């Protein structure tokens, strides 16, 4: 009777193991499918963001030109960074590309794309510049 009982228990355990292995394989396949779907959705999402950004940036060329000119004047002004040549780096004979990228594109344009007015976006640039070490050095007097 004990041998028969052991055989039944062994058979039962083998069936349970086969079912569990089947579940593991099925879950692995499901995970792979979900990862592939997630990758597809991420690519689709990135494409949509790119299209949306392009649409939102359309027509901002004049804003960027005006804002860069304003930033040049602000850099030269006593309220700004008091740089005599504004955004121009005389010894390098080129504009301060880092400043243009940071303040015009990262701060101003992001604010405009997110619905800020021109004045509010420029104020965000001023506030950000006033938070820099360079501005604090210039105005430490």
C-alpha atoms as a PDB file:
ATOM      1  CA  UNK A   1       0.000   0.000   0.000  1.00  0.00           C
ATOM      2  CA  UNK A   2       2.857   2.370   0.757  1.00  0.00           C
ATOM      3  CA  UNK A   3       4.444   1.774  -2.659  1.00  0.00           C
ATOM      4  CA  UNK A   4       1.125   2.489  -4.365  1.00  0.00           C
ATOM      5  CA  UNK A   5       0.719   5.648  -2.307  1.00  0.00           C
ATOM      6  CA  UNK A   6       4.249   6.800  -3.209  1.00  0.00           C
ATOM      7  CA  UNK A   7       3.559   6.123  -6.872  1.00  0.00           C
ATOM      8  CA  UNK A   8       0.341   8.167  -6.737  1.00  0.00           C
ATOM      9  CA  UNK A   9       2.117  11.016  -4.919  1.00  0.00           C
ATOM     10  CA  UNK A  10       4.984  10.911  -7.415  1.00  0.00           C
ATOM     11  CA  UNK A  11       2.554  10.968 -10.340  1.00  0.00           C
ATOM     12  CA  UNK A  12       0.674  13.875  -8.769  1.00  0.00           C
ATOM     13  CA  UNK A  13       3.912  15.810  -8.166  1.00  0.00           C
ATOM     14  CA  UNK A  14       5.088  15.178 -11.747  1.00  0.00           C
ATOM     15  CA  UNK A  15       1.766  16.507 -13.063  1.00  0.00           C
ATOM     16  CA  UNK A  16       2.131  19.589 -10.846  1.00  0.00           C
ATOM     17  CA  UNK A  17       5.724  20.118 -12.042  1.00  0.00           C
ATOM     18  CA  UNK A  18       4.680  19.784 -15.707  1.00  0.00           C
ATOM     19  CA  UNK A  19       1.866  22.288 -15.148  1.00  0.00           C
ATOM     20  CA  UNK A  20       4.247  24.701 -13.394  1.00  0.00           C
ATOM     21  CA  UNK A  21       6.827  24.356 -16.171  1.00  0.00           C
ATOM     22  CA  UNK A  22       4.089  25.058 -18.700  1.00  0.00           C
ATOM     23  CA  UNK A  23       3.129  28.176 -16.716  1.00  0.00           C
ATOM     24  CA  UNK A  24       6.761  29.321 -16.659  1.00  0.00           C
ATOM     25  CA  UNK A  25       7.087  28.909 -20.428  1.00  0.00           C
ATOM     26  CA  UNK A  26       3.738  30.653 -21.024  1.00  0.00           C
ATOM     27  CA  UNK A  27       4.685  33.562 -18.726  1.00  0.00           C
ATOM     28  CA  UNK A  28       8.069  33.866 -20.452  1.00  0.00           C
ATOM     29  CA  UNK A  29       6.364  34.079 -23.838  1.00  0.00           C
ATOM     30  CA  UNK A  30       3.923  36.654 -22.453  1.00  0.00           C
ATOM     31  CA  UNK A  31       6.777  38.741 -21.056  1.00  0.00           C
ATOM     32  CA  UNK A  32       8.590  38.676 -24.385  1.00  0.00           C
ATOM     33  CA  UNK A  33       5.418  39.756 -26.201  1.00  0.00           C
ATOM     34  CA  UNK A  34       4.853  42.549 -23.675  1.00  0.00           C
ATOM     35  CA  UNK A  35       8.455  43.753 -24.082  1.00  0.00           C
ATOM     36  CA  UNK A  36       8.072  43.802 -27.857  1.00  0.00           C
ATOM     37  CA  UNK A  37       4.785  45.674 -27.547  1.00  0.00           C
ATOM     38  CA  UNK A  38       6.353  48.127 -25.116  1.00  0.00           C
ATOM     39  CA  UNK A  39       9.235  48.745 -27.524  1.00  0.00           C
ATOM     40  CA  UNK A  40       6.780  49.333 -30.365  1.00  0.00           C
ATOM     41  CA  UNK A  41       4.735  51.710 -28.201  1.00  0.00           C
ATOM     42  CA  UNK A  42       7.880  53.585 -27.137  1.00  0.00           C
ATOM     43  CA  UNK A  43       8.952  54.036 -30.767  1.00  0.00           C
ATOM     44  CA  UNK A  44       5.444  55.173 -31.703  1.00  0.00           C
ATOM     45  CA  UNK A  45       5.367  57.549 -28.715  1.00  0.00           C
ATOM     46  CA  UNK A  46       8.787  59.003 -29.659  1.00  0.00           C
ATOM     47  CA  UNK A  47       7.594  59.565 -33.233  1.00  0.00           C
ATOM     48  CA  UNK A  48       4.455  61.321 -32.005  1.00  0.00           C
ATOM     49  CA  UNK A  49       6.485  63.505 -29.643  1.00  0.00           C
ATOM     50  CA  UNK A  50       8.795  64.416 -32.516  1.00  0.00           C
ATOM     51  CA  UNK A  51       5.847  65.359 -34.721  1.00  0.00           C
ATOM     52  CA  UNK A  52       4.214  67.328 -31.922  1.00  0.00           C
ATOM     53  CA  UNK A  53       7.435  69.170 -31.118  1.00  0.00           C
ATOM     54  CA  UNK A  54       7.895  70.035 -34.787  1.00  0.00           C
ATOM     55  CA  UNK A  55       4.318  71.311 -34.999  1.00  0.00           C
ATOM     56  CA  UNK A  56       4.688  73.344 -31.799  1.00  0.00           C
ATOM     57  CA  UNK A  57       7.999  74.836 -32.968  1.00  0.00           C
ATOM     58  CA  UNK A  58       6.579  75.920 -36.331  1.00  0.00           C
ATOM     59  CA  UNK A  59       6.355  79.687 -36.475  1.00  0.00           C
ATOM     60  CA  UNK A  60       8.778  80.327 -33.607  1.00  0.00           C
ATOM     61  CA  UNK A  61      11.675  81.383 -35.825  1.00  0.00           C
ATOM     62  CA  UNK A  62      10.955  85.071 -35.282  1.00  0.00           C
ATOM     63  CA  UNK A  63      10.586  84.461 -31.526  1.00  0.00           C
ATOM     64  CA  UNK A  64      13.998  82.844 -31.472  1.00  0.00           C
ATOM     65  CA  UNK A  65      15.612  85.658 -33.481  1.00  0.00           C
ATOM     66  CA  UNK A  66      14.011  88.382 -31.309  1.00  0.00           C
ATOM     67  CA  UNK A  67      14.830  86.539 -28.109  1.00  0.00           C
ATOM     68  CA  UNK A  68      18.450  85.997 -29.105  1.00  0.00           C
ATOM     69  CA  UNK A  69      18.767  89.742 -29.856  1.00  0.00           C
ATOM     70  CA  UNK A  70      17.117  90.533 -26.511  1.00  0.00           C
ATOM     71  CA  UNK A  71      19.440  88.078 -24.732  1.00  0.00           C
ATOM     72  CA  UNK A  72      22.445  89.741 -26.386  1.00  0.00           C
ATOM     73  CA  UNK A  73      21.283  93.105 -24.989  1.00  0.00           C
ATOM     74  CA  UNK A  74      20.535  91.598 -21.561  1.00  0.00           C
ATOM     75  CA  UNK A  75      24.017  90.081 -21.377  1.00  0.00           C
ATOM     76  CA  UNK A  76      25.505  93.522 -22.098  1.00  0.00           C
ATOM     77  CA  UNK A  77      23.224  95.432 -19.696  1.00  0.00           C
ATOM     78  CA  UNK A  78      24.116  96.293 -16.092  1.00  0.00           C
ATOM     79  CA  UNK A  79      21.029  94.314 -14.964  1.00  0.00           C
ATOM     80  CA  UNK A  80      22.266  91.286 -16.871  1.00  0.00           C
ATOM     81  CA  UNK A  81      25.792  89.976 -16.909  1.00  0.00           C
ATOM     82  CA  UNK A  82      27.375  93.330 -17.829  1.00  0.00           C
ATOM     83  CA  UNK A  83      29.405  91.747 -20.593  1.00  0.00           C
ATOM     84  CA  UNK A  84      30.477  94.626 -22.858  1.00  0.00           C
ATOM     85  CA  UNK A  85      30.137  92.447 -25.986  1.00  0.00           C
ATOM     86  CA  UNK A  86      26.889  90.778 -24.904  1.00  0.00           C
ATOM     87  CA  UNK A  87      26.716  87.271 -26.299  1.00  0.00           C
ATOM     88  CA  UNK A  88      29.824  87.823 -28.407  1.00  0.00           C
ATOM     89  CA  UNK A  89      33.001  86.166 -27.120  1.00  0.00           C
ATOM     90  CA  UNK A  90      35.591  88.550 -28.535  1.00  0.00           C
ATOM     91  CA  UNK A  91      38.714  86.490 -27.886  1.00  0.00           C
ATOM     92  CA  UNK A  92      37.058  83.439 -29.418  1.00  0.00           C
ATOM     93  CA  UNK A  93      35.536  85.498 -32.235  1.00  0.00           C
ATOM     94  CA  UNK A  94      32.185  83.727 -31.977  1.00  0.00           C
ATOM     95  CA  UNK A  95      28.847  83.994 -30.183  1.00  0.00           C
ATOM     96  CA  UNK A  96      28.372  82.343 -26.812  1.00  0.00           C
ATOM     97  CA  UNK A  97      26.737  79.251 -28.265  1.00  0.00           C
ATOM     98  CA  UNK A  98      26.367  77.663 -24.836  1.00  0.00           C
ATOM     99  CA  UNK A  99      24.351  80.647 -23.597  1.00  0.00           C
ATOM    100  CA  UNK A 100      22.145  80.643 -26.690  1.00  0.00           C
ATOM    101  CA  UNK A 101      21.494  76.927 -26.304  1.00  0.00           C
ATOM    102  CA  UNK A 102      20.812  77.130 -22.582  1.00  0.00           C
ATOM    103  CA  UNK A 103      18.717  80.290 -22.382  1.00  0.00           C
ATOM    104  CA  UNK A 104      16.995  80.477 -25.773  1.00  0.00           C
ATOM    105  CA  UNK A 105      16.340  76.816 -26.439  1.00  0.00           C
ATOM    106  CA  UNK A 106      16.319  75.143 -23.027  1.00  0.00           C
ATOM    107  CA  UNK A 107      14.501  77.866 -21.088  1.00  0.00           C
ATOM    108  CA  UNK A 108      12.750  80.335 -23.402  1.00  0.00           C
ATOM    109  CA  UNK A 109      11.574  77.987 -26.151  1.00  0.00           C
ATOM    110  CA  UNK A 110      10.493  75.272 -23.713  1.00  0.00           C
ATOM    111  CA  UNK A 111       8.435  77.844 -21.824  1.00  0.00           C
ATOM    112  CA  UNK A 112       6.842  79.101 -25.061  1.00  0.00           C
ATOM    113  CA  UNK A 113       6.049  75.597 -26.271  1.00  0.00           C
ATOM    114  CA  UNK A 114       4.422  74.923 -22.899  1.00  0.00           C
ATOM    115  CA  UNK A 115       2.123  77.928 -23.326  1.00  0.00           C
ATOM    116  CA  UNK A 116       4.007  80.796 -21.649  1.00  0.00           C
ATOM    117  CA  UNK A 117       3.739  84.266 -23.128  1.00  0.00           C
ATOM    118  CA  UNK A 118       6.799  85.928 -24.612  1.00  0.00           C
ATOM    119  CA  UNK A 119       7.145  88.118 -21.505  1.00  0.00           C
ATOM    120  CA  UNK A 120       6.787  85.168 -19.113  1.00  0.00           C
ATOM    121  CA  UNK A 121       9.298  83.097 -21.080  1.00  0.00           C
ATOM    122  CA  UNK A 122      11.801  85.967 -21.046  1.00  0.00           C
ATOM    123  CA  UNK A 123      11.254  86.398 -17.324  1.00  0.00           C
ATOM    124  CA  UNK A 124      12.030  82.692 -16.888  1.00  0.00           C
ATOM    125  CA  UNK A 125      15.323  83.314 -18.727  1.00  0.00           C
ATOM    126  CA  UNK A 126      16.122  86.311 -16.503  1.00  0.00           C
ATOM    127  CA  UNK A 127      15.309  84.317 -13.369  1.00  0.00           C
ATOM    128  CA  UNK A 128      17.482  81.420 -14.527  1.00  0.00           C
ATOM    129  CA  UNK A 129      20.399  83.721 -15.367  1.00  0.00           C
ATOM    130  CA  UNK A 130      20.086  85.403 -11.968  1.00  0.00           C
ATOM    131  CA  UNK A 131      20.556  81.978 -10.430  1.00  0.00           C
ATOM    132  CA  UNK A 132      23.978  81.504 -12.045  1.00  0.00           C
ATOM    133  CA  UNK A 133      27.361  81.947 -10.411  1.00  0.00           C
ATOM    134  CA  UNK A 134      28.375  84.423 -13.113  1.00  0.00           C
ATOM    135  CA  UNK A 135      25.425  86.708 -12.355  1.00  0.00           C
ATOM    136  CA  UNK A 136      26.125  86.511  -8.614  1.00  0.00           C
ATOM    137  CA  UNK A 137      29.812  87.400  -9.214  1.00  0.00           C
ATOM    138  CA  UNK A 138      28.885  90.389 -11.371  1.00  0.00           C
ATOM    139  CA  UNK A 139      26.312  91.652  -8.854  1.00  0.00           C
ATOM    140  CA  UNK A 140      28.231  90.851  -5.650  1.00  0.00           C
ATOM    141  CA  UNK A 141      29.397  94.449  -5.301  1.00  0.00           C
END
